[in-house]
């Protein structure tokens, strides 16, 4: 299963680099992020900031059932030709799960789509974000997804 998931992720990466268009039409966005799928659902604030036309950082603090997730991610973003406001992105970043009894480190690769409404300061995103937990309870969870809603400026 892990090899199949990695192959799908690499296939998405190769397909994504075939599109050419300009990147996002905003500099910074802040809003609500939901990390759901196999296991608990986490919800909290997030911030996405473009450092250049295609390179962005995303920062989040998510909460669920006595656990806090703190994450930072880098993503490469590229607009899709002929689809005004729609772009794809691919990235990776570290995440820390903080619980009363212990903490856990994870690596989160991600790939998804974001739509910025051209006439409004609103954007929404959907991505696939498998979780590689490292530590005492190391695990790979491929069935994790993210949904983000943000106000852009």
Protein backbone atom coordinates (compact mmCIF):
# COMPACT_ATOMS: atom_id res chain seq x y z
CA UNK A 1 0.00 0.00 0.00
CA UNK A 2 2.83 2.39 0.85
CA UNK A 3 4.48 1.80 -2.55
CA UNK A 4 1.18 2.40 -4.35
CA UNK A 5 0.61 5.66 -2.46
CA UNK A 6 4.15 6.86 -3.18
CA UNK A 7 3.72 5.97 -6.87
CA UNK A 8 0.43 7.94 -7.01
CA UNK A 9 2.11 10.95 -5.37
CA UNK A 10 5.01 10.83 -7.87
CA UNK A 11 2.55 10.50 -10.76
CA UNK A 12 0.67 13.58 -9.56
CA UNK A 13 3.96 15.47 -9.35
CA UNK A 14 4.94 14.54 -12.92
CA UNK A 15 1.49 15.44 -14.29
CA UNK A 16 1.48 18.74 -12.43
CA UNK A 17 4.67 20.01 -14.06
CA UNK A 18 3.07 19.75 -17.52
CA UNK A 19 0.79 22.76 -16.88
CA UNK A 20 2.04 26.30 -17.38
CA UNK A 21 0.34 29.48 -16.19
CA UNK A 22 0.86 32.25 -13.67
CA UNK A 23 0.60 31.48 -9.97
CA UNK A 24 -1.78 32.87 -7.34
CA UNK A 25 -3.23 36.36 -7.54
CA UNK A 26 -2.81 37.18 -3.85
CA UNK A 27 0.09 37.62 -1.44
CA UNK A 28 -1.29 36.38 1.90
CA UNK A 29 -4.38 34.48 2.98
CA UNK A 30 -5.67 33.65 6.46
CA UNK A 31 -8.58 31.47 7.48
CA UNK A 32 -9.81 28.07 8.63
CA UNK A 33 -8.17 24.72 7.88
CA UNK A 34 -9.67 21.23 8.32
CA UNK A 35 -7.44 18.13 8.34
CA UNK A 36 -9.67 15.05 8.04
CA UNK A 37 -9.71 11.48 6.86
CA UNK A 38 -8.50 8.28 8.44
CA UNK A 39 -8.65 9.04 12.16
CA UNK A 40 -9.55 12.25 13.97
CA UNK A 41 -10.59 15.53 12.36
CA UNK A 42 -8.48 18.58 13.26
CA UNK A 43 -9.68 22.18 12.83
CA UNK A 44 -7.94 25.51 13.34
CA UNK A 45 -6.49 28.69 11.87
CA UNK A 46 -3.94 28.78 9.09
CA UNK A 47 -1.96 31.36 7.15
CA UNK A 48 -0.57 31.03 3.61
CA UNK A 49 1.99 33.54 2.37
CA UNK A 50 3.63 33.76 -1.06
CA UNK A 51 7.33 34.57 -0.89
CA UNK A 52 7.50 34.76 -4.69
CA UNK A 53 5.13 34.11 -7.60
CA UNK A 54 5.22 30.32 -7.16
CA UNK A 55 6.70 29.67 -3.69
CA UNK A 56 4.55 29.78 -0.57
CA UNK A 57 4.68 28.87 3.08
CA UNK A 58 1.67 27.72 5.05
CA UNK A 59 1.47 27.72 8.83
CA UNK A 60 -1.29 26.15 10.94
CA UNK A 61 -2.37 25.33 14.46
CA UNK A 62 -5.06 22.63 14.54
CA UNK A 63 -7.01 21.16 17.45
CA UNK A 64 -8.86 17.88 18.14
CA UNK A 65 -9.56 15.75 21.20
CA UNK A 66 -6.80 16.95 23.56
CA UNK A 67 -4.22 17.11 20.74
CA UNK A 68 -2.70 20.20 19.14
CA UNK A 69 -1.01 20.00 15.73
CA UNK A 70 1.47 22.70 14.78
CA UNK A 71 2.66 22.63 11.18
CA UNK A 72 4.68 24.58 8.64
CA UNK A 73 4.71 23.67 4.96
CA UNK A 74 6.45 24.78 1.80
CA UNK A 75 4.53 24.53 -1.47
CA UNK A 76 5.28 25.16 -5.12
CA UNK A 77 2.17 26.71 -6.73
CA UNK A 78 1.31 27.02 -10.41
CA UNK A 79 -1.80 28.37 -12.13
CA UNK A 80 -3.67 26.18 -14.63
CA UNK A 81 -3.95 27.62 -18.16
CA UNK A 82 -7.49 28.49 -19.15
CA UNK A 83 -8.85 28.13 -15.62
CA UNK A 84 -8.93 31.65 -14.16
CA UNK A 85 -8.26 31.48 -10.42
CA UNK A 86 -7.48 27.74 -10.31
CA UNK A 87 -4.00 26.51 -9.45
CA UNK A 88 -2.29 23.31 -8.36
CA UNK A 89 0.35 22.97 -5.68
CA UNK A 90 2.70 20.38 -4.30
CA UNK A 91 4.79 20.58 -1.16
CA UNK A 92 6.05 19.14 2.10
CA UNK A 93 6.53 20.17 5.70
CA UNK A 94 7.05 19.11 9.30
CA UNK A 95 4.30 18.82 11.88
CA UNK A 96 4.31 18.28 15.63
CA UNK A 97 1.43 16.68 17.54
CA UNK A 98 1.39 17.82 21.16
CA UNK A 99 -0.53 15.78 23.74
CA UNK A 100 -0.54 15.84 27.53
CA UNK A 101 1.30 12.52 27.72
CA UNK A 102 3.71 12.88 24.75
CA UNK A 103 4.62 14.68 21.54
CA UNK A 104 5.12 13.25 18.08
CA UNK A 105 6.89 14.50 14.96
CA UNK A 106 5.53 13.92 11.44
CA UNK A 107 6.37 14.69 7.82
CA UNK A 108 3.48 15.81 5.58
CA UNK A 109 3.81 15.71 1.79
CA UNK A 110 0.88 17.37 0.06
CA UNK A 111 -0.60 17.96 -3.35
CA UNK A 112 -3.82 19.71 -4.25
CA UNK A 113 -5.85 22.40 -5.93
CA UNK A 114 -6.71 25.93 -4.85
CA UNK A 115 -9.36 28.23 -6.28
CA UNK A 116 -9.13 31.98 -5.72
CA UNK A 117 -12.40 33.69 -6.67
CA UNK A 118 -11.17 36.29 -9.19
CA UNK A 119 -13.63 39.01 -8.15
CA UNK A 120 -13.55 38.42 -4.37
CA UNK A 121 -10.87 38.17 -1.66
CA UNK A 122 -11.73 34.51 -0.97
CA UNK A 123 -9.87 31.27 -1.74
CA UNK A 124 -10.58 27.60 -1.06
CA UNK A 125 -8.25 24.62 -1.31
CA UNK A 126 -8.43 20.85 -1.22
CA UNK A 127 -5.40 18.60 -0.90
CA UNK A 128 -4.19 15.11 -0.21
CA UNK A 129 -1.78 15.10 2.73
CA UNK A 130 -0.61 11.66 3.87
CA UNK A 131 1.03 11.56 7.30
CA UNK A 132 4.33 9.89 8.14
CA UNK A 133 4.48 9.85 11.94
CA UNK A 134 7.95 9.35 13.40
CA UNK A 135 8.70 8.37 16.96
CA UNK A 136 7.50 5.81 19.47
CA UNK A 137 4.35 5.05 17.44
CA UNK A 138 5.71 5.44 13.89
CA UNK A 139 3.02 5.04 11.27
CA UNK A 140 2.07 5.94 7.71
CA UNK A 141 -1.51 7.15 7.18
CA UNK A 142 -2.28 7.72 3.47
CA UNK A 143 -5.97 8.63 3.94
CA UNK A 144 -5.64 12.24 5.13
CA UNK A 145 -7.03 15.28 3.32
CA UNK A 146 -7.07 19.02 3.91
CA UNK A 147 -9.73 21.63 3.19
CA UNK A 148 -8.88 25.29 3.57
CA UNK A 149 -10.95 28.46 3.39
CA UNK A 150 -9.22 31.82 3.55
CA UNK A 151 -9.65 35.55 3.20
CA UNK A 152 -6.94 36.89 0.89
CA UNK A 153 -5.15 40.21 0.87
